[in-house]
Amino acid sequence: MIEAIIEVIEAEHPPYRTVRPAVAEEMVRREQAEAWDRMA
């Protein structure tokens, strides 16, 4: 995990939002979509 953090910090053009580990990306997307749906 530390290696992933260092890669993001040292990246020339890091992504705006970075989720690590990559397998957690879908979970985060789903939770964010559900949060937006609750607010609507």
PDB file of N, CA and C in Angstrom:
ATOM      1  N   MET A   1       0.825  -1.185   0.000  1.00  0.00           N
ATOM      2  CA  MET A   1       0.000   0.000   0.000  1.00  0.00           C
ATOM      3  C   MET A   1       0.873   1.253   0.000  1.00  0.00           C
ATOM      4  N   ILE A   2       1.947   1.229   0.746  1.00  0.00           N
ATOM      5  CA  ILE A   2       2.859   2.373   0.774  1.00  0.00           C
ATOM      6  C   ILE A   2       3.414   2.643  -0.620  1.00  0.00           C
ATOM      7  N   GLU A   3       3.736   1.566  -1.348  1.00  0.00           N
ATOM      8  CA  GLU A   3       4.250   1.739  -2.706  1.00  0.00           C
ATOM      9  C   GLU A   3       3.232   2.451  -3.588  1.00  0.00           C
ATOM     10  N   ALA A   4       1.947   2.105  -3.453  1.00  0.00           N
ATOM     11  CA  ALA A   4       0.892   2.744  -4.248  1.00  0.00           C
ATOM     12  C   ALA A   4       0.785   4.226  -3.913  1.00  0.00           C
ATOM     13  N   ILE A   5       0.898   4.563  -2.650  1.00  0.00           N
ATOM     14  CA  ILE A   5       0.832   5.967  -2.229  1.00  0.00           C
ATOM     15  C   ILE A   5       2.001   6.746  -2.826  1.00  0.00           C
ATOM     16  N   ILE A   6       3.177   6.166  -2.770  1.00  0.00           N
ATOM     17  CA  ILE A   6       4.364   6.831  -3.309  1.00  0.00           C
ATOM     18  C   ILE A   6       4.232   7.024  -4.818  1.00  0.00           C
ATOM     19  N   GLU A   7       3.706   6.020  -5.520  1.00  0.00           N
ATOM     20  CA  GLU A   7       3.509   6.146  -6.967  1.00  0.00           C
ATOM     21  C   GLU A   7       2.599   7.320  -7.298  1.00  0.00           C
ATOM     22  N   VAL A   8       1.524   7.480  -6.554  1.00  0.00           N
ATOM     23  CA  VAL A   8       0.589   8.582  -6.801  1.00  0.00           C
ATOM     24  C   VAL A   8       1.260   9.920  -6.510  1.00  0.00           C
ATOM     25  N   ILE A   9       1.979  10.000  -5.422  1.00  0.00           N
ATOM     26  CA  ILE A   9       2.636  11.252  -5.037  1.00  0.00           C
ATOM     27  C   ILE A   9       3.681  11.655  -6.066  1.00  0.00           C
ATOM     28  N   GLU A  10       4.437  10.695  -6.547  1.00  0.00           N
ATOM     29  CA  GLU A  10       5.527  10.994  -7.467  1.00  0.00           C
ATOM     30  C   GLU A  10       5.104  11.060  -8.932  1.00  0.00           C
ATOM     31  N   ALA A  11       3.855  10.754  -9.243  1.00  0.00           N
ATOM     32  CA  ALA A  11       3.403  10.738 -10.637  1.00  0.00           C
ATOM     33  C   ALA A  11       3.481  12.130 -11.255  1.00  0.00           C
ATOM     34  N   GLU A  12       3.856  12.165 -12.515  1.00  0.00           N
ATOM     35  CA  GLU A  12       3.950  13.425 -13.256  1.00  0.00           C
ATOM     36  C   GLU A  12       2.575  14.085 -13.377  1.00  0.00           C
ATOM     37  N   HIS A  13       1.564  13.277 -13.724  1.00  0.00           N
ATOM     38  CA  HIS A  13       0.185  13.770 -13.855  1.00  0.00           C
ATOM     39  C   HIS A  13      -0.738  12.790 -13.132  1.00  0.00           C
ATOM     40  N   PRO A  14      -0.799  12.862 -11.814  1.00  0.00           N
ATOM     41  CA  PRO A  14      -1.622  11.902 -11.072  1.00  0.00           C
ATOM     42  C   PRO A  14      -3.104  12.115 -11.353  1.00  0.00           C
ATOM     43  N   PRO A  15      -3.891  11.061 -11.280  1.00  0.00           N
ATOM     44  CA  PRO A  15      -5.337  11.215 -11.464  1.00  0.00           C
ATOM     45  C   PRO A  15      -5.924  12.067 -10.342  1.00  0.00           C
ATOM     46  N   TYR A  16      -7.056  12.696 -10.624  1.00  0.00           N
ATOM     47  CA  TYR A  16      -7.690  13.557  -9.629  1.00  0.00           C
ATOM     48  C   TYR A  16      -8.035  12.759  -8.381  1.00  0.00           C
ATOM     49  N   ARG A  17      -8.668  11.637  -8.565  1.00  0.00           N
ATOM     50  CA  ARG A  17      -9.000  10.753  -7.440  1.00  0.00           C
ATOM     51  C   ARG A  17      -8.342   9.412  -7.696  1.00  0.00           C
ATOM     52  N   THR A  18      -7.685   8.919  -6.701  1.00  0.00           N
ATOM     53  CA  THR A  18      -6.994   7.646  -6.839  1.00  0.00           C
ATOM     54  C   THR A  18      -7.495   6.704  -5.760  1.00  0.00           C
ATOM     55  N   VAL A  19      -7.965   5.535  -6.183  1.00  0.00           N
ATOM     56  CA  VAL A  19      -8.448   4.528  -5.243  1.00  0.00           C
ATOM     57  C   VAL A  19      -7.494   3.348  -5.312  1.00  0.00           C
ATOM     58  N   ARG A  20      -6.973   2.981  -4.179  1.00  0.00           N
ATOM     59  CA  ARG A  20      -6.103   1.820  -4.087  1.00  0.00           C
ATOM     60  C   ARG A  20      -6.565   0.983  -2.920  1.00  0.00           C
ATOM     61  N   PRO A  21      -6.594  -0.296  -3.026  1.00  0.00           N
ATOM     62  CA  PRO A  21      -6.228  -1.086  -4.183  1.00  0.00           C
ATOM     63  C   PRO A  21      -7.262  -0.937  -5.299  1.00  0.00           C
ATOM     64  N   ALA A  22      -6.852  -1.209  -6.506  1.00  0.00           N
ATOM     65  CA  ALA A  22      -7.712  -1.024  -7.672  1.00  0.00           C
ATOM     66  C   ALA A  22      -8.998  -1.840  -7.575  1.00  0.00           C
ATOM     67  N   VAL A  23      -8.974  -2.959  -6.874  1.00  0.00           N
ATOM     68  CA  VAL A  23     -10.183  -3.782  -6.750  1.00  0.00           C
ATOM     69  C   VAL A  23     -11.278  -3.061  -5.969  1.00  0.00           C
ATOM     70  N   ALA A  24     -10.934  -2.011  -5.249  1.00  0.00           N
ATOM     71  CA  ALA A  24     -11.926  -1.261  -4.473  1.00  0.00           C
ATOM     72  C   ALA A  24     -12.632  -0.194  -5.304  1.00  0.00           C
ATOM     73  N   GLU A  25     -12.184   0.028  -6.547  1.00  0.00           N
ATOM     74  CA  GLU A  25     -12.760   1.087  -7.376  1.00  0.00           C
ATOM     75  C   GLU A  25     -14.258   0.922  -7.573  1.00  0.00           C
ATOM     76  N   GLU A  26     -14.699  -0.277  -7.922  1.00  0.00           N
ATOM     77  CA  GLU A  26     -16.131  -0.498  -8.180  1.00  0.00           C
ATOM     78  C   GLU A  26     -16.951  -0.254  -6.917  1.00  0.00           C
ATOM     79  N   MET A  27     -16.464  -0.686  -5.774  1.00  0.00           N
ATOM     80  CA  MET A  27     -17.171  -0.468  -4.518  1.00  0.00           C
ATOM     81  C   MET A  27     -17.328   1.026  -4.249  1.00  0.00           C
ATOM     82  N   VAL A  28     -16.273   1.789  -4.459  1.00  0.00           N
ATOM     83  CA  VAL A  28     -16.320   3.232  -4.223  1.00  0.00           C
ATOM     84  C   VAL A  28     -17.297   3.888  -5.188  1.00  0.00           C
ATOM     85  N   ARG A  29     -17.252   3.505  -6.458  1.00  0.00           N
ATOM     86  CA  ARG A  29     -18.184   4.069  -7.448  1.00  0.00           C
ATOM     87  C   ARG A  29     -19.632   3.787  -7.052  1.00  0.00           C
ATOM     88  N   ARG A  30     -19.902   2.559  -6.622  1.00  0.00           N
ATOM     89  CA  ARG A  30     -21.260   2.175  -6.238  1.00  0.00           C
ATOM     90  C   ARG A  30     -21.720   2.976  -5.021  1.00  0.00           C
ATOM     91  N   GLU A  31     -20.862   3.096  -4.020  1.00  0.00           N
ATOM     92  CA  GLU A  31     -21.227   3.845  -2.818  1.00  0.00           C
ATOM     93  C   GLU A  31     -21.461   5.320  -3.127  1.00  0.00           C
ATOM     94  N   GLN A  32     -20.641   5.902  -4.007  1.00  0.00           N
ATOM     95  CA  GLN A  32     -20.835   7.303  -4.383  1.00  0.00           C
ATOM     96  C   GLN A  32     -22.147   7.486  -5.135  1.00  0.00           C
ATOM     97  N   ALA A  33     -22.466   6.560  -6.035  1.00  0.00           N
ATOM     98  CA  ALA A  33     -23.721   6.646  -6.786  1.00  0.00           C
ATOM     99  C   ALA A  33     -24.914   6.524  -5.844  1.00  0.00           C
ATOM    100  N   GLU A  34     -24.836   5.615  -4.892  1.00  0.00           N
ATOM    101  CA  GLU A  34     -25.927   5.457  -3.927  1.00  0.00           C
ATOM    102  C   GLU A  34     -26.088   6.706  -3.072  1.00  0.00           C
ATOM    103  N   ALA A  35     -24.990   7.333  -2.692  1.00  0.00           N
ATOM    104  CA  ALA A  35     -25.065   8.565  -1.899  1.00  0.00           C
ATOM    105  C   ALA A  35     -25.739   9.670  -2.697  1.00  0.00           C
ATOM    106  N   TRP A  36     -25.386   9.801  -3.968  1.00  0.00           N
ATOM    107  CA  TRP A  36     -26.024  10.818  -4.816  1.00  0.00           C
ATOM    108  C   TRP A  36     -27.512  10.528  -4.979  1.00  0.00           C
ATOM    109  N   ASP A  37     -27.873   9.245  -5.132  1.00  0.00           N
ATOM    110  CA  ASP A  37     -29.287   8.882  -5.273  1.00  0.00           C
ATOM    111  C   ASP A  37     -30.070   9.239  -4.015  1.00  0.00           C
ATOM    112  N   ARG A  38     -29.477   9.040  -2.845  1.00  0.00           N
ATOM    113  CA  ARG A  38     -30.165   9.382  -1.593  1.00  0.00           C
ATOM    114  C   ARG A  38     -30.385  10.887  -1.475  1.00  0.00           C
ATOM    115  N   MET A  39     -29.454  11.673  -2.016  1.00  0.00           N
ATOM    116  CA  MET A  39     -29.563  13.130  -1.925  1.00  0.00           C
ATOM    117  C   MET A  39     -30.579  13.691  -2.921  1.00  0.00           C
ATOM    118  N   ALA A  40     -30.890  12.925  -3.968  1.00  0.00           N
ATOM    119  CA  ALA A  40     -31.790  13.421  -5.028  1.00  0.00           C
ATOM    120  C   ALA A  40     -33.238  13.407  -4.598  1.00  0.00           C
TER     121      ALA A  40
END
